Amino acid sequence: MFYLIYSEDVENSLALRMSVREQHLARLRELQNQGRLLIAGPCPAIDNEDPGEAGFTGSLIVAEFVDLVAAQAWADKDPYIDAGVYKKVTVKPYKKVLPA
């Protein structure tokens, strides 16, 4: 089943994000290589794909896990958590309907 992982950043998180970005992306690439990643990306702080120094306000990941416990455990190990990027992480079951 798919699970939505929505994470909200602390204020002015850009430097923290950049300090562990490669480790964060490596985990996502692992999910992608396993065919389990549906979508992943950050939420720009301004209405622009490249927010520059404005940075980001959070991240969205939708990926396949065996159950909610496994999804939460995976989310809890995100390098952004250890670096202090996220102030809140929400994990919920997700049902993909479209595109089919």
PDB file of N, CA and C in Angstrom:
ATOM      1  N   MET A   1       0.839  -1.167   0.000  1.00  0.00           N
ATOM      2  CA  MET A   1       0.000   0.000   0.000  1.00  0.00           C
ATOM      3  C   MET A   1       0.891   1.240   0.000  1.00  0.00           C
ATOM      4  N   PHE A   2       0.359   2.320  -0.575  1.00  0.00           N
ATOM      5  CA  PHE A   2       1.078   3.582  -0.565  1.00  0.00           C
ATOM      6  C   PHE A   2       0.816   4.336   0.741  1.00  0.00           C
ATOM      7  N   TYR A   3       1.816   5.146   1.132  1.00  0.00           N
ATOM      8  CA  TYR A   3       1.708   6.007   2.311  1.00  0.00           C
ATOM      9  C   TYR A   3       2.224   7.386   1.959  1.00  0.00           C
ATOM     10  N   LEU A   4       1.506   8.386   2.442  1.00  0.00           N
ATOM     11  CA  LEU A   4       1.874   9.776   2.265  1.00  0.00           C
ATOM     12  C   LEU A   4       2.705  10.200   3.470  1.00  0.00           C
ATOM     13  N   ILE A   5       3.854  10.795   3.208  1.00  0.00           N
ATOM     14  CA  ILE A   5       4.696  11.335   4.272  1.00  0.00           C
ATOM     15  C   ILE A   5       4.824  12.827   3.997  1.00  0.00           C
ATOM     16  N   TYR A   6       4.185  13.629   4.848  1.00  0.00           N
ATOM     17  CA  TYR A   6       4.250  15.081   4.694  1.00  0.00           C
ATOM     18  C   TYR A   6       5.018  15.662   5.869  1.00  0.00           C
ATOM     19  N   SER A   7       6.087  16.353   5.562  1.00  0.00           N
ATOM     20  CA  SER A   7       6.948  16.905   6.598  1.00  0.00           C
ATOM     21  C   SER A   7       6.966  18.419   6.498  1.00  0.00           C
ATOM     22  N   GLU A   8       6.858  19.075   7.652  1.00  0.00           N
ATOM     23  CA  GLU A   8       6.877  20.532   7.720  1.00  0.00           C
ATOM     24  C   GLU A   8       8.218  20.988   8.281  1.00  0.00           C
ATOM     25  N   ASP A   9       8.832  21.951   7.606  1.00  0.00           N
ATOM     26  CA  ASP A   9      10.136  22.464   8.011  1.00  0.00           C
ATOM     27  C   ASP A   9      10.039  23.465   9.156  1.00  0.00           C
ATOM     28  N   VAL A  10      11.133  23.583   9.880  1.00  0.00           N
ATOM     29  CA  VAL A  10      11.305  24.691  10.813  1.00  0.00           C
ATOM     30  C   VAL A  10      11.552  25.945   9.971  1.00  0.00           C
ATOM     31  N   GLU A  11      11.482  27.105  10.577  1.00  0.00           N
ATOM     32  CA  GLU A  11      11.779  28.353   9.870  1.00  0.00           C
ATOM     33  C   GLU A  11      13.239  28.357   9.412  1.00  0.00           C
ATOM     34  N   ASN A  12      13.484  28.964   8.264  1.00  0.00           N
ATOM     35  CA  ASN A  12      14.849  29.143   7.748  1.00  0.00           C
ATOM     36  C   ASN A  12      15.640  27.830   7.714  1.00  0.00           C
ATOM     37  N   SER A  13      15.039  26.819   7.112  1.00  0.00           N
ATOM     38  CA  SER A  13      15.627  25.473   7.114  1.00  0.00           C
ATOM     39  C   SER A  13      16.622  25.203   5.987  1.00  0.00           C
ATOM     40  N   LEU A  14      16.798  26.137   5.065  1.00  0.00           N
ATOM     41  CA  LEU A  14      17.571  25.851   3.855  1.00  0.00           C
ATOM     42  C   LEU A  14      18.993  25.359   4.149  1.00  0.00           C
ATOM     43  N   ALA A  15      19.719  26.014   5.025  1.00  0.00           N
ATOM     44  CA  ALA A  15      21.092  25.583   5.326  1.00  0.00           C
ATOM     45  C   ALA A  15      21.103  24.189   5.940  1.00  0.00           C
ATOM     46  N   LEU A  16      20.134  23.913   6.804  1.00  0.00           N
ATOM     47  CA  LEU A  16      20.036  22.584   7.402  1.00  0.00           C
ATOM     48  C   LEU A  16      19.744  21.533   6.333  1.00  0.00           C
ATOM     49  N   ARG A  17      18.819  21.853   5.431  1.00  0.00           N
ATOM     50  CA  ARG A  17      18.485  20.936   4.329  1.00  0.00           C
ATOM     51  C   ARG A  17      19.722  20.611   3.508  1.00  0.00           C
ATOM     52  N   MET A  18      20.431  21.645   3.123  1.00  0.00           N
ATOM     53  CA  MET A  18      21.579  21.455   2.239  1.00  0.00           C
ATOM     54  C   MET A  18      22.677  20.624   2.908  1.00  0.00           C
ATOM     55  N   SER A  19      22.768  20.693   4.223  1.00  0.00           N
ATOM     56  CA  SER A  19      23.834  19.975   4.920  1.00  0.00           C
ATOM     57  C   SER A  19      23.692  18.459   4.844  1.00  0.00           C
ATOM     58  N   VAL A  20      22.459  17.958   4.638  1.00  0.00           N
ATOM     59  CA  VAL A  20      22.245  16.501   4.576  1.00  0.00           C
ATOM     60  C   VAL A  20      21.413  16.090   3.359  1.00  0.00           C
ATOM     61  N   ARG A  21      21.313  16.981   2.396  1.00  0.00           N
ATOM     62  CA  ARG A  21      20.466  16.718   1.219  1.00  0.00           C
ATOM     63  C   ARG A  21      20.842  15.425   0.502  1.00  0.00           C
ATOM     64  N   GLU A  22      22.122  15.186   0.303  1.00  0.00           N
ATOM     65  CA  GLU A  22      22.552  13.992  -0.432  1.00  0.00           C
ATOM     66  C   GLU A  22      22.145  12.707   0.281  1.00  0.00           C
ATOM     67  N   GLN A  23      22.223  12.678   1.599  1.00  0.00           N
ATOM     68  CA  GLN A  23      21.799  11.501   2.359  1.00  0.00           C
ATOM     69  C   GLN A  23      20.283  11.305   2.233  1.00  0.00           C
ATOM     70  N   HIS A  24      19.544  12.407   2.277  1.00  0.00           N
ATOM     71  CA  HIS A  24      18.088  12.363   2.121  1.00  0.00           C
ATOM     72  C   HIS A  24      17.732  11.805   0.737  1.00  0.00           C
ATOM     73  N   LEU A  25      18.374  12.329  -0.299  1.00  0.00           N
ATOM     74  CA  LEU A  25      18.089  11.875  -1.665  1.00  0.00           C
ATOM     75  C   LEU A  25      18.513  10.422  -1.883  1.00  0.00           C
ATOM     76  N   ALA A  26      19.574   9.978  -1.251  1.00  0.00           N
ATOM     77  CA  ALA A  26      20.034   8.592  -1.404  1.00  0.00           C
ATOM     78  C   ALA A  26      18.954   7.617  -0.932  1.00  0.00           C
ATOM     79  N   ARG A  27      18.274   7.950   0.161  1.00  0.00           N
ATOM     80  CA  ARG A  27      17.194   7.084   0.660  1.00  0.00           C
ATOM     81  C   ARG A  27      16.029   7.053  -0.325  1.00  0.00           C
ATOM     82  N   LEU A  28      15.740   8.200  -0.918  1.00  0.00           N
ATOM     83  CA  LEU A  28      14.654   8.254  -1.900  1.00  0.00           C
ATOM     84  C   LEU A  28      15.020   7.481  -3.169  1.00  0.00           C
ATOM     85  N   ARG A  29      16.268   7.583  -3.584  1.00  0.00           N
ATOM     86  CA  ARG A  29      16.714   6.829  -4.768  1.00  0.00           C
ATOM     87  C   ARG A  29      16.621   5.326  -4.513  1.00  0.00           C
ATOM     88  N   GLU A  30      16.881   4.915  -3.289  1.00  0.00           N
ATOM     89  CA  GLU A  30      16.759   3.496  -2.935  1.00  0.00           C
ATOM     90  C   GLU A  30      15.311   3.026  -3.111  1.00  0.00           C
ATOM     91  N   LEU A  31      14.358   3.825  -2.622  1.00  0.00           N
ATOM     92  CA  LEU A  31      12.937   3.495  -2.831  1.00  0.00           C
ATOM     93  C   LEU A  31      12.614   3.456  -4.319  1.00  0.00           C
ATOM     94  N   GLN A  32      13.137   4.432  -5.060  1.00  0.00           N
ATOM     95  CA  GLN A  32      12.886   4.486  -6.504  1.00  0.00           C
ATOM     96  C   GLN A  32      13.447   3.240  -7.197  1.00  0.00           C
ATOM     97  N   ASN A  33      14.656   2.856  -6.854  1.00  0.00           N
ATOM     98  CA  ASN A  33      15.280   1.683  -7.468  1.00  0.00           C
ATOM     99  C   ASN A  33      14.529   0.400  -7.150  1.00  0.00           C
ATOM    100  N   GLN A  34      13.823   0.388  -6.013  1.00  0.00           N
ATOM    101  CA  GLN A  34      13.019  -0.765  -5.625  1.00  0.00           C
ATOM    102  C   GLN A  34      11.615  -0.711  -6.242  1.00  0.00           C
ATOM    103  N   GLY A  35      11.316   0.351  -6.996  1.00  0.00           N
ATOM    104  CA  GLY A  35      10.005   0.505  -7.614  1.00  0.00           C
ATOM    105  C   GLY A  35       8.904   0.872  -6.624  1.00  0.00           C
ATOM    106  N   ARG A  36       9.272   1.469  -5.495  1.00  0.00           N
ATOM    107  CA  ARG A  36       8.301   1.774  -4.437  1.00  0.00           C
ATOM    108  C   ARG A  36       7.962   3.258  -4.317  1.00  0.00           C
ATOM    109  N   LEU A  37       8.667   4.119  -5.043  1.00  0.00           N
ATOM    110  CA  LEU A  37       8.460   5.557  -4.923  1.00  0.00           C
ATOM    111  C   LEU A  37       7.478   6.047  -5.983  1.00  0.00           C
ATOM    112  N   LEU A  38       6.388   6.654  -5.549  1.00  0.00           N
ATOM    113  CA  LEU A  38       5.410   7.231  -6.470  1.00  0.00           C
ATOM    114  C   LEU A  38       5.772   8.665  -6.803  1.00  0.00           C
ATOM    115  N   ILE A  39       6.091   9.469  -5.782  1.00  0.00           N
ATOM    116  CA  ILE A  39       6.428  10.876  -5.986  1.00  0.00           C
ATOM    117  C   ILE A  39       7.171  11.385  -4.757  1.00  0.00           C
ATOM    118  N   ALA A  40       8.042  12.363  -4.970  1.00  0.00           N
ATOM    119  CA  ALA A  40       8.751  12.987  -3.848  1.00  0.00           C
ATOM    120  C   ALA A  40       9.234  14.360  -4.275  1.00  0.00           C
ATOM    121  N   GLY A  41       9.183  15.298  -3.351  1.00  0.00           N
ATOM    122  CA  GLY A  41       9.709  16.622  -3.630  1.00  0.00           C
ATOM    123  C   GLY A  41       9.397  17.603  -2.518  1.00  0.00           C
ATOM    124  N   PRO A  42      10.098  18.749  -2.560  1.00  0.00           N
ATOM    125  CA  PRO A  42       9.903  19.780  -1.547  1.00  0.00           C
ATOM    126  C   PRO A  42       8.806  20.767  -1.942  1.00  0.00           C
ATOM    127  N   CYS A  43       8.358  21.533  -0.955  1.00  0.00           N
ATOM    128  CA  CYS A  43       7.347  22.580  -1.152  1.00  0.00           C
ATOM    129  C   CYS A  43       8.059  23.930  -1.071  1.00  0.00           C
ATOM    130  N   PRO A  44       8.215  24.637  -2.194  1.00  0.00           N
ATOM    131  CA  PRO A  44       8.893  25.932  -2.174  1.00  0.00           C
ATOM    132  C   PRO A  44       8.184  26.929  -1.255  1.00  0.00           C
ATOM    133  N   ALA A  45       8.969  27.773  -0.600  1.00  0.00           N
ATOM    134  CA  ALA A  45       8.423  28.771   0.319  1.00  0.00           C
ATOM    135  C   ALA A  45       7.741  29.922  -0.419  1.00  0.00           C
ATOM    136  N   ILE A  46       8.069  30.081  -1.712  1.00  0.00           N
ATOM    137  CA  ILE A  46       7.434  31.101  -2.536  1.00  0.00           C
ATOM    138  C   ILE A  46       6.898  30.441  -3.797  1.00  0.00           C
ATOM    139  N   ASP A  47       6.087  31.153  -4.523  1.00  0.00           N
ATOM    140  CA  ASP A  47       5.453  30.611  -5.727  1.00  0.00           C
ATOM    141  C   ASP A  47       6.433  30.592  -6.900  1.00  0.00           C
ATOM    142  N   ASN A  48       7.419  29.681  -6.783  1.00  0.00           N
ATOM    143  CA  ASN A  48       8.464  29.584  -7.794  1.00  0.00           C
ATOM    144  C   ASN A  48       9.130  28.225  -7.641  1.00  0.00           C
ATOM    145  N   GLU A  49       9.376  27.546  -8.757  1.00  0.00           N
ATOM    146  CA  GLU A  49      10.035  26.225  -8.684  1.00  0.00           C
ATOM    147  C   GLU A  49      11.419  26.309  -8.071  1.00  0.00           C
ATOM    148  N   ASP A  50      12.107  27.441  -8.281  1.00  0.00           N
ATOM    149  CA  ASP A  50      13.421  27.648  -7.688  1.00  0.00           C
ATOM    150  C   ASP A  50      13.309  28.815  -6.708  1.00  0.00           C
ATOM    151  N   PRO A  51      13.020  28.526  -5.439  1.00  0.00           N
ATOM    152  CA  PRO A  51      12.784  29.603  -4.487  1.00  0.00           C
ATOM    153  C   PRO A  51      14.047  30.306  -3.997  1.00  0.00           C
ATOM    154  N   GLY A  52      15.219  29.845  -4.437  1.00  0.00           N
ATOM    155  CA  GLY A  52      16.462  30.479  -4.014  1.00  0.00           C
ATOM    156  C   GLY A  52      16.596  30.480  -2.501  1.00  0.00           C
ATOM    157  N   GLU A  53      16.995  31.621  -1.963  1.00  0.00           N
ATOM    158  CA  GLU A  53      17.239  31.727  -0.526  1.00  0.00           C
ATOM    159  C   GLU A  53      15.966  31.648   0.308  1.00  0.00           C
ATOM    160  N   ALA A  54      14.780  31.781  -0.333  1.00  0.00           N
ATOM    161  CA  ALA A  54      13.514  31.637   0.408  1.00  0.00           C
ATOM    162  C   ALA A  54      13.367  30.217   0.940  1.00  0.00           C
ATOM    163  N   GLY A  55      13.967  29.259   0.227  1.00  0.00           N
ATOM    164  CA  GLY A  55      13.968  27.876   0.680  1.00  0.00           C
ATOM    165  C   GLY A  55      12.636  27.164   0.542  1.00  0.00           C
ATOM    166  N   PHE A  56      12.375  26.268   1.470  1.00  0.00           N
ATOM    167  CA  PHE A  56      11.225  25.373   1.393  1.00  0.00           C
ATOM    168  C   PHE A  56      10.492  25.332   2.729  1.00  0.00           C
ATOM    169  N   THR A  57       9.231  24.946   2.671  1.00  0.00           N
ATOM    170  CA  THR A  57       8.417  24.864   3.888  1.00  0.00           C
ATOM    171  C   THR A  57       8.140  23.432   4.315  1.00  0.00           C
ATOM    172  N   GLY A  58       8.514  22.476   3.488  1.00  0.00           N
ATOM    173  CA  GLY A  58       8.260  21.087   3.812  1.00  0.00           C
ATOM    174  C   GLY A  58       8.537  20.186   2.624  1.00  0.00           C
ATOM    175  N   SER A  59       8.127  18.931   2.762  1.00  0.00           N
ATOM    176  CA  SER A  59       8.347  17.928   1.721  1.00  0.00           C
ATOM    177  C   SER A  59       7.178  16.955   1.664  1.00  0.00           C
ATOM    178  N   LEU A  60       6.962  16.397   0.480  1.00  0.00           N
ATOM    179  CA  LEU A  60       5.941  15.375   0.280  1.00  0.00           C
ATOM    180  C   LEU A  60       6.592  14.154  -0.344  1.00  0.00           C
ATOM    181  N   ILE A  61       6.323  12.998   0.236  1.00  0.00           N
ATOM    182  CA  ILE A  61       6.771  11.720  -0.311  1.00  0.00           C
ATOM    183  C   ILE A  61       5.559  10.806  -0.314  1.00  0.00           C
ATOM    184  N   VAL A  62       5.339  10.104  -1.423  1.00  0.00           N
ATOM    185  CA  VAL A  62       4.344   9.043  -1.480  1.00  0.00           C
ATOM    186  C   VAL A  62       5.082   7.797  -1.961  1.00  0.00           C
ATOM    187  N   ALA A  63       5.093   6.781  -1.105  1.00  0.00           N
ATOM    188  CA  ALA A  63       5.840   5.566  -1.413  1.00  0.00           C
ATOM    189  C   ALA A  63       5.119   4.350  -0.855  1.00  0.00           C
ATOM    190  N   GLU A  64       5.519   3.193  -1.359  1.00  0.00           N
ATOM    191  CA  GLU A  64       4.900   1.930  -0.960  1.00  0.00           C
ATOM    192  C   GLU A  64       5.673   1.304   0.202  1.00  0.00           C
ATOM    193  N   PHE A  65       4.926   0.897   1.222  1.00  0.00           N
ATOM    194  CA  PHE A  65       5.482   0.195   2.377  1.00  0.00           C
ATOM    195  C   PHE A  65       4.543  -0.958   2.720  1.00  0.00           C
ATOM    196  N   VAL A  66       5.012  -1.904   3.521  1.00  0.00           N
ATOM    197  CA  VAL A  66       4.172  -3.058   3.871  1.00  0.00           C
ATOM    198  C   VAL A  66       3.014  -2.669   4.783  1.00  0.00           C
ATOM    199  N   ASP A  67       3.238  -1.651   5.614  1.00  0.00           N
ATOM    200  CA  ASP A  67       2.166  -1.191   6.500  1.00  0.00           C
ATOM    201  C   ASP A  67       2.532   0.178   7.064  1.00  0.00           C
ATOM    202  N   LEU A  68       1.617   0.746   7.834  1.00  0.00           N
ATOM    203  CA  LEU A  68       1.815   2.069   8.418  1.00  0.00           C
ATOM    204  C   LEU A  68       3.011   2.105   9.366  1.00  0.00           C
ATOM    205  N   VAL A  69       3.210   1.045  10.111  1.00  0.00           N
ATOM    206  CA  VAL A  69       4.339   0.980  11.044  1.00  0.00           C
ATOM    207  C   VAL A  69       5.658   1.076  10.281  1.00  0.00           C
ATOM    208  N   ALA A  70       5.772   0.367   9.164  1.00  0.00           N
ATOM    209  CA  ALA A  70       6.992   0.407   8.352  1.00  0.00           C
ATOM    210  C   ALA A  70       7.190   1.785   7.733  1.00  0.00           C
ATOM    211  N   ALA A  71       6.115   2.402   7.270  1.00  0.00           N
ATOM    212  CA  ALA A  71       6.202   3.746   6.692  1.00  0.00           C
ATOM    213  C   ALA A  71       6.662   4.754   7.735  1.00  0.00           C
ATOM    214  N   GLN A  72       6.104   4.662   8.935  1.00  0.00           N
ATOM    215  CA  GLN A  72       6.491   5.583  10.010  1.00  0.00           C
ATOM    216  C   GLN A  72       7.946   5.360  10.412  1.00  0.00           C
ATOM    217  N   ALA A  73       8.355   4.110  10.485  1.00  0.00           N
ATOM    218  CA  ALA A  73       9.740   3.801  10.853  1.00  0.00           C
ATOM    219  C   ALA A  73      10.710   4.359   9.814  1.00  0.00           C
ATOM    220  N   TRP A  74      10.350   4.234   8.531  1.00  0.00           N
ATOM    221  CA  TRP A  74      11.201   4.775   7.468  1.00  0.00           C
ATOM    222  C   TRP A  74      11.279   6.300   7.587  1.00  0.00           C
ATOM    223  N   ALA A  75      10.135   6.940   7.778  1.00  0.00           N
ATOM    224  CA  ALA A  75      10.085   8.402   7.895  1.00  0.00           C
ATOM    225  C   ALA A  75      10.902   8.882   9.095  1.00  0.00           C
ATOM    226  N   ASP A  76      10.853   8.152  10.188  1.00  0.00           N
ATOM    227  CA  ASP A  76      11.563   8.542  11.412  1.00  0.00           C
ATOM    228  C   ASP A  76      13.079   8.545  11.243  1.00  0.00           C
ATOM    229  N   LYS A  77      13.586   7.841  10.236  1.00  0.00           N
ATOM    230  CA  LYS A  77      15.031   7.751  10.013  1.00  0.00           C
ATOM    231  C   LYS A  77      15.541   8.740   8.969  1.00  0.00           C
ATOM    232  N   ASP A  78      14.698   9.668   8.541  1.00  0.00           N
ATOM    233  CA  ASP A  78      15.106  10.640   7.528  1.00  0.00           C
ATOM    234  C   ASP A  78      16.235  11.518   8.069  1.00  0.00           C
ATOM    235  N   PRO A  79      17.312  11.685   7.316  1.00  0.00           N
ATOM    236  CA  PRO A  79      18.413  12.548   7.757  1.00  0.00           C
ATOM    237  C   PRO A  79      17.973  13.980   8.069  1.00  0.00           C
ATOM    238  N   TYR A  80      16.905  14.438   7.435  1.00  0.00           N
ATOM    239  CA  TYR A  80      16.412  15.785   7.730  1.00  0.00           C
ATOM    240  C   TYR A  80      15.915  15.900   9.173  1.00  0.00           C
ATOM    241  N   ILE A  81      15.445  14.806   9.744  1.00  0.00           N
ATOM    242  CA  ILE A  81      15.010  14.843  11.149  1.00  0.00           C
ATOM    243  C   ILE A  81      16.213  15.051  12.059  1.00  0.00           C
ATOM    244  N   ASP A  82      17.248  14.249  11.861  1.00  0.00           N
ATOM    245  CA  ASP A  82      18.450  14.375  12.691  1.00  0.00           C
ATOM    246  C   ASP A  82      19.110  15.742  12.543  1.00  0.00           C
ATOM    247  N   ALA A  83      18.997  16.352  11.356  1.00  0.00           N
ATOM    248  CA  ALA A  83      19.605  17.659  11.105  1.00  0.00           C
ATOM    249  C   ALA A  83      18.750  18.808  11.629  1.00  0.00           C
ATOM    250  N   GLY A  84      17.531  18.514  12.085  1.00  0.00           N
ATOM    251  CA  GLY A  84      16.665  19.555  12.617  1.00  0.00           C
ATOM    252  C   GLY A  84      15.861  20.310  11.568  1.00  0.00           C
ATOM    253  N   VAL A  85      15.737  19.749  10.366  1.00  0.00           N
ATOM    254  CA  VAL A  85      14.987  20.400   9.285  1.00  0.00           C
ATOM    255  C   VAL A  85      13.487  20.374   9.562  1.00  0.00           C
ATOM    256  N   TYR A  86      12.985  19.230  10.003  1.00  0.00           N
ATOM    257  CA  TYR A  86      11.546  19.062  10.164  1.00  0.00           C
ATOM    258  C   TYR A  86      11.081  19.353  11.579  1.00  0.00           C
ATOM    259  N   LYS A  87       9.964  20.093  11.688  1.00  0.00           N
ATOM    260  CA  LYS A  87       9.348  20.299  12.995  1.00  0.00           C
ATOM    261  C   LYS A  87       8.173  19.356  13.201  1.00  0.00           C
ATOM    262  N   LYS A  88       7.622  18.804  12.098  1.00  0.00           N
ATOM    263  CA  LYS A  88       6.482  17.896  12.203  1.00  0.00           C
ATOM    264  C   LYS A  88       6.469  16.972  10.983  1.00  0.00           C
ATOM    265  N   VAL A  89       6.186  15.688  11.228  1.00  0.00           N
ATOM    266  CA  VAL A  89       6.082  14.700  10.153  1.00  0.00           C
ATOM    267  C   VAL A  89       4.773  13.937  10.325  1.00  0.00           C
ATOM    268  N   THR A  90       3.988  13.900   9.251  1.00  0.00           N
ATOM    269  CA  THR A  90       2.721  13.186   9.258  1.00  0.00           C
ATOM    270  C   THR A  90       2.803  12.035   8.271  1.00  0.00           C
ATOM    271  N   VAL A  91       2.402  10.840   8.706  1.00  0.00           N
ATOM    272  CA  VAL A  91       2.398   9.658   7.850  1.00  0.00           C
ATOM    273  C   VAL A  91       0.983   9.104   7.843  1.00  0.00           C
ATOM    274  N   LYS A  92       0.421   8.926   6.630  1.00  0.00           N
ATOM    275  CA  LYS A  92      -0.953   8.431   6.482  1.00  0.00           C
ATOM    276  C   LYS A  92      -1.036   7.458   5.313  1.00  0.00           C
ATOM    277  N   PRO A  93      -1.966   6.506   5.386  1.00  0.00           N
ATOM    278  CA  PRO A  93      -2.233   5.658   4.218  1.00  0.00           C
ATOM    279  C   PRO A  93      -2.696   6.533   3.059  1.00  0.00           C
ATOM    280  N   TYR A  94      -2.368   6.118   1.833  1.00  0.00           N
ATOM    281  CA  TYR A  94      -2.696   6.883   0.637  1.00  0.00           C
ATOM    282  C   TYR A  94      -3.212   5.921  -0.427  1.00  0.00           C
ATOM    283  N   LYS A  95      -4.344   6.243  -1.028  1.00  0.00           N
ATOM    284  CA  LYS A  95      -4.906   5.436  -2.105  1.00  0.00           C
ATOM    285  C   LYS A  95      -4.777   6.185  -3.419  1.00  0.00           C
ATOM    286  N   LYS A  96      -3.955   5.661  -4.318  1.00  0.00           N
ATOM    287  CA  LYS A  96      -3.782   6.261  -5.644  1.00  0.00           C
ATOM    288  C   LYS A  96      -4.986   5.890  -6.517  1.00  0.00           C
ATOM    289  N   VAL A  97      -5.645   6.892  -7.080  1.00  0.00           N
ATOM    290  CA  VAL A  97      -6.782   6.659  -7.962  1.00  0.00           C
ATOM    291  C   VAL A  97      -6.433   7.062  -9.400  1.00  0.00           C
ATOM    292  N   LEU A  98      -5.897   8.260  -9.598  1.00  0.00           N
ATOM    293  CA  LEU A  98      -5.538   8.746 -10.931  1.00  0.00           C
ATOM    294  C   LEU A  98      -4.137   9.329 -10.896  1.00  0.00           C
ATOM    295  N   PRO A  99      -3.406   9.290 -11.973  1.00  0.00           N
ATOM    296  CA  PRO A  99      -3.759   8.554 -13.182  1.00  0.00           C
ATOM    297  C   PRO A  99      -3.738   7.057 -12.956  1.00  0.00           C
ATOM    298  N   ALA A 100      -4.574   6.371 -13.692  1.00  0.00           N
ATOM    299  CA  ALA A 100      -4.712   4.924 -13.529  1.00  0.00           C
ATOM    300  C   ALA A 100      -3.534   4.201 -14.141  1.00  0.00           C
TER     301      ALA A 100
END
